[in-house]
Amino acid sequence: MSEKSVFISYLRVIATVFVILLHASTGYLYNYESMGFNWNYSNLIHSATRCSVPIFIMISGALLLSKAEDTMLFYRNRLPKLLYPFVFWTIIYLLYYFYRYTNFQDLSAHQIREITVDKILHGANAHLWYLYMIIGLYLAIPFLAKLMRQLTVREIELFLALWLIAMVIMNKRWTVYTPKFDLTFFSGYMGYLVWGYYLTVKQINWRPMYIWAGYLVVVVFTFWATHQLSAQKNKYDPLFFNYVTPNTAIIASLVFIGIKTWNPIRIPKWMAIIDKYAFGVYLSHIIPLNYIHPILAKHFSTTWLIPLATLSTLLLSIAITFFIRKVPYGKYVSG
């Protein structure tokens, strides 16, 4: 395994665990208690781990934007790896929705059709939004890769600066305070692809102490800002947990730079297993989490519940992905 793939594997494992931590703690955020332990504990976890999805996208940028590949060849090689799991897991979560959240026998054919169409169009489960987003980015990657090869490092840095500015200007919550420039081209998740590519090809020699201190500072800021905004409204305000805000981008960047600077030479076997099944874990983990979390909640306080639910869900999701891949054609749909 090359040095590049080793640090990328570490990042993929971190992002995978962070995603499960997010979902294991999300419920507490919606039960707002300004001084309550559960809410603040969940706020802290989200502040530290909201960088998960941005890290996944940055990994894609790091791995794919440097490739000189024909556009149609890229589509033939890459898109099926997303589309087959998309179809499979949409069906699984649609069936799961009907089983867990409806009295199916009482639904009319019209209701079943309406629910099915809505779930297909907007996501059979909330976390599947990622597939809709990443498929869109993959359609853009061949064009973006050609652009990256033509730009100088300074021009890429300018693009990234405009992307960070666009995060503020294009955020609807801040339009009262910003000019109405249309920076749509620079906005959105595409910037994370460029960011991941840039941080991979650019040599950054920061001292690890400063990198991780910076990470902690921005995490604390995110925690504080979310607490303050929520206290003002007397309900949970997720503004600073948006995936496309400067604080989230900075946190994701510092984790990426921190692991790259560390430059691990090899990956432990247990991490290699998580790395191997990471996409499948992401796609499958909601189902085991929904069963494990309430069981553990009967026996553990929130302090232990969230990490134990995360670990249990991770192991079960790996097992689910492993067994799906053992079924004929399962490796194409498992993720």
Protein backbone atom coordinates (compact mmCIF):
# COMPACT_ATOMS: atom_id res chain seq x y z
CA MET A 1 0.00 0.00 0.00
CA SER A 2 1.48 3.34 -1.03
CA GLU A 3 2.05 6.17 1.45
CA LYS A 4 -0.73 8.12 -0.24
CA SER A 5 -3.25 5.32 0.16
CA VAL A 6 -2.19 4.71 3.79
CA PHE A 7 -3.00 8.23 4.97
CA ILE A 8 -6.14 8.19 2.81
CA SER A 9 -7.19 4.93 4.49
CA TYR A 10 -6.74 6.51 7.92
CA LEU A 11 -8.92 9.43 6.84
CA ARG A 12 -11.60 7.08 5.47
CA VAL A 13 -11.71 5.14 8.75
CA ILE A 14 -11.95 8.36 10.77
CA ALA A 15 -14.77 9.68 8.58
CA THR A 16 -16.65 6.37 8.83
CA VAL A 17 -16.50 6.30 12.62
CA PHE A 18 -17.41 9.99 12.79
CA VAL A 19 -20.56 9.40 10.70
CA ILE A 20 -21.80 6.71 13.09
CA LEU A 21 -20.98 8.90 16.09
CA LEU A 22 -23.06 11.68 14.53
CA HIS A 23 -26.07 9.47 14.01
CA ALA A 24 -25.73 7.80 17.41
CA SER A 25 -25.97 11.22 19.09
CA THR A 26 -28.29 13.21 16.81
CA GLY A 27 -31.51 12.46 18.69
CA TYR A 28 -30.34 14.32 21.78
CA LEU A 29 -29.86 17.56 19.86
CA TYR A 30 -33.57 17.80 19.13
CA ASN A 31 -34.41 17.54 22.84
CA TYR A 32 -33.02 20.95 23.60
CA GLU A 33 -31.86 21.65 27.16
CA SER A 34 -29.43 24.53 27.43
CA MET A 35 -27.72 23.17 30.54
CA GLY A 36 -28.59 19.51 30.06
CA PHE A 37 -25.70 17.06 29.89
CA ASN A 38 -27.15 14.97 27.04
CA TRP A 39 -27.69 17.95 24.77
CA ASN A 40 -24.27 19.47 25.41
CA TYR A 41 -22.56 16.09 25.08
CA SER A 42 -24.21 15.61 21.70
CA ASN A 43 -23.36 19.18 20.72
CA LEU A 44 -19.69 18.50 21.49
CA ILE A 45 -19.69 15.25 19.49
CA HIS A 46 -21.28 16.94 16.49
CA SER A 47 -18.89 19.87 16.71
CA ALA A 48 -15.94 17.46 16.54
CA THR A 49 -17.28 15.05 13.90
CA ARG A 50 -19.36 17.09 11.43
CA CYS A 51 -16.28 17.04 9.21
CA SER A 52 -17.03 13.40 8.30
CA VAL A 53 -18.83 13.93 4.99
CA PRO A 54 -16.44 16.70 3.87
CA ILE A 55 -13.54 14.32 4.52
CA PHE A 56 -15.17 11.66 2.33
CA ILE A 57 -15.51 14.19 -0.49
CA MET A 58 -11.93 15.43 -0.01
CA ILE A 59 -10.74 11.83 -0.32
CA SER A 60 -12.53 11.58 -3.67
CA GLY A 61 -10.84 14.79 -4.79
CA ALA A 62 -7.44 13.57 -3.64
CA LEU A 63 -7.79 10.26 -5.48
CA LEU A 64 -9.62 11.27 -8.65
CA LEU A 65 -8.75 14.82 -9.68
CA SER A 66 -5.15 13.89 -10.43
CA LYS A 67 -6.18 11.19 -12.94
CA ALA A 68 -6.01 11.93 -16.66
CA GLU A 69 -8.95 9.78 -17.71
CA ASP A 70 -11.35 9.94 -20.65
CA THR A 71 -14.73 11.28 -19.52
CA MET A 72 -16.84 8.39 -20.82
CA LEU A 73 -14.33 5.84 -19.53
CA PHE A 74 -14.51 7.51 -16.11
CA TYR A 75 -18.29 7.28 -16.17
CA ARG A 76 -18.25 3.61 -17.20
CA ASN A 77 -15.72 2.70 -14.52
CA ARG A 78 -16.95 4.84 -11.62
CA LEU A 79 -20.67 5.53 -11.87
CA PRO A 80 -21.84 1.88 -11.65
CA LYS A 81 -20.02 1.64 -8.29
CA LEU A 82 -22.41 4.31 -7.05
CA LEU A 83 -25.55 3.55 -9.03
CA TYR A 84 -25.82 -0.15 -8.16
CA PRO A 85 -25.58 0.49 -4.39
CA PHE A 86 -27.94 3.45 -4.85
CA VAL A 87 -30.65 1.22 -6.34
CA PHE A 88 -30.06 -1.64 -3.88
CA TRP A 89 -30.06 0.43 -0.70
CA THR A 90 -32.98 2.56 -1.88
CA ILE A 91 -35.01 -0.65 -2.15
CA ILE A 92 -33.76 -1.92 1.23
CA TYR A 93 -34.56 1.32 3.06
CA LEU A 94 -37.90 1.66 1.29
CA LEU A 95 -38.89 -1.80 2.51
CA TYR A 96 -37.49 -0.97 5.94
CA TYR A 97 -39.56 2.23 6.05
CA PHE A 98 -42.78 0.38 5.24
CA TYR A 99 -41.95 -2.32 7.80
CA ARG A 100 -40.89 -0.08 10.69
CA TYR A 101 -42.84 3.13 10.27
CA THR A 102 -46.17 2.21 8.67
CA ASN A 103 -49.04 -0.21 9.04
CA PHE A 104 -48.50 -1.47 5.53
CA GLN A 105 -51.68 -3.49 5.38
CA ASP A 106 -53.69 -0.32 6.03
CA LEU A 107 -52.10 1.70 3.23
CA SER A 108 -53.92 2.16 -0.04
CA ALA A 109 -52.22 1.52 -3.38
CA HIS A 110 -52.20 5.27 -3.95
CA GLN A 111 -50.45 5.92 -0.61
CA ILE A 112 -47.87 3.22 -1.29
CA ARG A 113 -47.17 4.70 -4.72
CA GLU A 114 -46.86 8.24 -3.34
CA ILE A 115 -44.49 7.18 -0.56
CA THR A 116 -42.40 5.12 -2.95
CA VAL A 117 -42.04 7.92 -5.48
CA ASP A 118 -41.17 10.44 -2.76
CA LYS A 119 -38.53 8.14 -1.27
CA ILE A 120 -36.97 7.45 -4.66
CA LEU A 121 -36.83 11.14 -5.52
CA HIS A 122 -35.62 12.44 -2.16
CA GLY A 123 -33.95 9.51 -0.40
CA ALA A 124 -35.36 6.34 1.11
CA ASN A 125 -33.54 7.29 4.32
CA ALA A 126 -32.07 10.60 5.42
CA HIS A 127 -28.42 9.52 5.20
CA LEU A 128 -28.81 8.45 1.56
CA TRP A 129 -28.74 12.13 0.58
CA TYR A 130 -25.00 11.52 0.32
CA LEU A 131 -25.49 9.29 -2.73
CA TYR A 132 -27.52 11.93 -4.56
CA MET A 133 -24.82 14.48 -3.82
CA ILE A 134 -21.80 12.32 -4.65
CA ILE A 135 -23.30 11.07 -7.92
CA GLY A 136 -23.66 14.71 -8.98
CA LEU A 137 -20.05 15.37 -8.06
CA TYR A 138 -18.83 12.31 -9.95
CA LEU A 139 -20.54 13.62 -13.07
CA ALA A 140 -18.44 16.79 -12.69
CA ILE A 141 -15.11 15.17 -11.76
CA PRO A 142 -13.79 14.46 -15.31
CA PHE A 143 -14.29 18.11 -16.26
CA LEU A 144 -12.92 19.38 -12.95
CA ALA A 145 -9.85 17.13 -13.28
CA LYS A 146 -9.04 18.64 -16.68
CA LEU A 147 -9.44 22.10 -15.17
CA MET A 148 -7.09 21.28 -12.28
CA ARG A 149 -4.35 20.21 -14.70
CA GLN A 150 -4.55 23.59 -16.43
CA LEU A 151 -4.55 25.77 -13.31
CA THR A 152 -1.49 26.92 -11.42
CA VAL A 153 -1.24 26.35 -7.68
CA ARG A 154 -1.89 30.06 -7.12
CA GLU A 155 -5.05 29.89 -9.25
CA ILE A 156 -6.30 26.88 -7.29
CA GLU A 157 -5.68 28.80 -4.09
CA LEU A 158 -7.71 31.70 -5.48
CA PHE A 159 -10.53 29.30 -6.37
CA LEU A 160 -10.52 27.93 -2.82
CA ALA A 161 -10.53 31.45 -1.34
CA LEU A 162 -13.57 32.32 -3.45
CA TRP A 163 -15.18 29.04 -2.36
CA LEU A 164 -14.76 29.99 1.30
CA ILE A 165 -16.20 33.45 0.60
CA ALA A 166 -19.11 31.84 -1.27
CA MET A 167 -19.92 29.77 1.83
CA VAL A 168 -20.78 33.00 3.61
CA ILE A 169 -22.36 34.97 0.77
CA MET A 170 -24.50 32.06 -0.49
CA ASN A 171 -25.70 31.04 2.98
CA LYS A 172 -29.34 32.16 3.28
CA ARG A 173 -28.93 32.82 7.00
CA TRP A 174 -26.33 35.51 6.31
CA THR A 175 -27.87 37.26 3.28
CA VAL A 176 -28.90 40.21 5.46
CA TYR A 177 -25.23 40.95 6.11
CA THR A 178 -23.69 40.13 2.71
CA PRO A 179 -23.87 41.53 -0.85
CA LYS A 180 -26.01 39.63 -3.35
CA PHE A 181 -23.14 38.46 -5.55
CA ASP A 182 -23.93 35.23 -7.37
CA LEU A 183 -21.04 32.92 -6.50
CA THR A 184 -22.92 29.73 -7.34
CA PHE A 185 -20.03 28.43 -9.46
CA PHE A 186 -17.72 28.51 -6.43
CA SER A 187 -20.26 27.26 -3.88
CA GLY A 188 -21.31 23.85 -2.66
CA TYR A 189 -19.61 20.52 -2.17
CA MET A 190 -17.45 20.78 -5.30
CA GLY A 191 -14.99 22.90 -3.34
CA TYR A 192 -14.21 19.93 -1.10
CA LEU A 193 -13.06 17.96 -4.16
CA VAL A 194 -10.64 20.74 -5.05
CA TRP A 195 -9.63 21.14 -1.41
CA GLY A 196 -8.76 17.44 -1.11
CA TYR A 197 -6.77 17.55 -4.35
CA TYR A 198 -4.92 20.71 -3.31
CA LEU A 199 -4.00 19.40 0.14
CA THR A 200 -2.66 16.22 -1.44
CA VAL A 201 -0.38 17.87 -4.00
CA LYS A 202 0.63 20.82 -1.82
CA GLN A 203 3.37 20.22 0.72
CA ILE A 204 2.25 21.70 4.05
CA ASN A 205 4.82 21.57 6.85
CA TRP A 206 2.88 22.59 9.93
CA ARG A 207 3.81 21.34 13.36
CA PRO A 208 1.32 18.67 14.49
CA MET A 209 0.80 20.49 17.80
CA TYR A 210 -0.48 23.56 15.97
CA ILE A 211 -2.68 21.52 13.63
CA TRP A 212 -4.50 19.68 16.41
CA ALA A 213 -4.63 22.76 18.62
CA GLY A 214 -6.33 24.55 15.72
CA TYR A 215 -8.75 21.65 15.37
CA LEU A 216 -9.68 21.91 19.05
CA VAL A 217 -10.10 25.69 18.85
CA VAL A 218 -12.53 25.48 15.92
CA VAL A 219 -14.40 22.58 17.55
CA VAL A 220 -14.81 24.63 20.73
CA PHE A 221 -15.96 27.63 18.68
CA THR A 222 -18.54 25.47 16.88
CA PHE A 223 -19.77 24.07 20.19
CA TRP A 224 -20.03 27.56 21.71
CA ALA A 225 -21.69 29.14 18.66
CA THR A 226 -24.27 26.34 18.45
CA HIS A 227 -24.97 26.67 22.16
CA GLN A 228 -25.42 30.43 21.91
CA LEU A 229 -27.67 30.35 18.84
CA SER A 230 -29.79 27.57 20.33
CA ALA A 231 -30.11 29.43 23.64
CA GLN A 232 -31.34 32.53 21.80
CA LYS A 233 -34.06 30.54 20.06
CA ASN A 234 -34.68 28.15 22.94
CA LYS A 235 -34.36 25.29 20.45
CA TYR A 236 -31.60 23.53 18.56
CA ASP A 237 -30.06 25.72 15.83
CA PRO A 238 -27.87 23.71 13.39
CA LEU A 239 -26.38 26.67 11.49
CA PHE A 240 -22.75 25.85 12.32
CA PHE A 241 -23.32 22.14 11.72
CA ASN A 242 -23.95 22.77 8.04
CA TYR A 243 -21.47 20.81 5.93
CA VAL A 244 -20.72 23.86 3.78
CA THR A 245 -19.73 26.48 6.34
CA PRO A 246 -16.22 27.86 6.99
CA ASN A 247 -15.91 26.26 10.44
CA THR A 248 -16.75 22.78 9.10
CA ALA A 249 -14.38 23.25 6.15
CA ILE A 250 -11.56 24.32 8.48
CA ILE A 251 -12.12 21.36 10.83
CA ALA A 252 -12.12 18.91 7.90
CA SER A 253 -8.98 20.55 6.51
CA LEU A 254 -7.11 20.32 9.80
CA VAL A 255 -7.97 16.63 10.22
CA PHE A 256 -6.84 15.99 6.63
CA ILE A 257 -3.60 17.94 7.09
CA GLY A 258 -2.99 16.39 10.51
CA ILE A 259 -3.17 12.82 9.19
CA LYS A 260 -1.20 13.65 6.04
CA THR A 261 1.51 15.36 8.10
CA TRP A 262 1.70 12.37 10.42
CA ASN A 263 2.28 10.29 7.28
CA PRO A 264 1.60 6.78 8.65
CA ILE A 265 3.56 4.04 6.90
CA ARG A 266 1.22 1.12 7.54
CA ILE A 267 -2.34 0.58 8.67
CA PRO A 268 -3.33 -1.88 11.43
CA LYS A 269 -5.41 -4.87 10.33
CA TRP A 270 -8.50 -3.76 12.23
CA MET A 271 -8.39 -0.37 10.51
CA ALA A 272 -7.81 -2.04 7.14
CA ILE A 273 -11.06 -3.96 7.66
CA ILE A 274 -13.01 -0.76 8.36
CA ASP A 275 -11.35 0.87 5.35
CA LYS A 276 -12.31 -2.07 3.10
CA TYR A 277 -15.98 -1.99 4.12
CA ALA A 278 -16.34 1.76 4.74
CA PHE A 279 -18.85 2.52 1.97
CA GLY A 280 -20.99 -0.45 2.92
CA VAL A 281 -20.84 0.58 6.57
CA TYR A 282 -22.05 4.05 5.67
CA LEU A 283 -24.96 2.72 3.63
CA SER A 284 -26.07 -0.01 6.04
CA HIS A 285 -25.39 1.40 9.51
CA ILE A 286 -28.74 3.11 10.14
CA ILE A 287 -30.63 -0.18 10.42
CA PRO A 288 -28.46 -1.82 13.12
CA LEU A 289 -28.11 1.52 14.91
CA ASN A 290 -31.88 1.89 15.15
CA TYR A 291 -32.10 -1.45 16.97
CA ILE A 292 -28.92 -1.28 19.04
CA HIS A 293 -29.37 2.23 20.41
CA PRO A 294 -32.64 1.65 22.33
CA ILE A 295 -31.37 -1.66 23.73
CA LEU A 296 -28.18 -0.11 25.09
CA ALA A 297 -30.13 2.91 26.38
CA LYS A 298 -31.81 0.64 28.93
CA HIS A 299 -28.49 -0.27 30.50
CA PHE A 300 -26.08 2.64 30.02
CA SER A 301 -25.97 6.37 30.60
CA THR A 302 -25.54 8.64 27.58
CA THR A 303 -21.81 8.96 28.33
CA TRP A 304 -21.29 5.30 27.49
CA LEU A 305 -24.30 4.75 25.29
CA ILE A 306 -23.10 6.80 22.32
CA PRO A 307 -19.59 5.26 22.00
CA LEU A 308 -20.93 1.74 22.68
CA ALA A 309 -23.72 2.16 20.14
CA THR A 310 -21.14 3.48 17.67
CA LEU A 311 -18.80 0.52 18.18
CA SER A 312 -21.60 -2.06 18.06
CA THR A 313 -23.10 -0.51 14.96
CA LEU A 314 -19.71 -0.39 13.26
CA LEU A 315 -19.09 -4.10 13.88
CA LEU A 316 -22.57 -5.16 12.78
CA SER A 317 -22.40 -2.97 9.68
CA ILE A 318 -19.08 -4.54 8.72
CA ALA A 319 -20.67 -7.97 9.16
CA ILE A 320 -23.70 -7.00 7.06
CA THR A 321 -21.48 -5.69 4.26
CA PHE A 322 -19.26 -8.77 4.46
CA PHE A 323 -22.19 -11.17 4.08
CA ILE A 324 -23.82 -9.17 1.29
CA ARG A 325 -20.55 -9.33 -0.64
CA LYS A 326 -20.54 -13.12 -0.26
CA VAL A 327 -23.86 -13.36 -2.10
CA PRO A 328 -23.62 -13.62 -5.91
CA TYR A 329 -23.34 -10.09 -7.34
CA GLY A 330 -23.44 -8.71 -3.78
CA LYS A 331 -20.08 -7.01 -4.19
CA TYR A 332 -21.64 -4.76 -6.82
CA VAL A 333 -24.49 -3.51 -4.61
CA SER A 334 -23.15 -3.62 -1.05
CA GLY A 335 -21.11 -0.44 -1.31
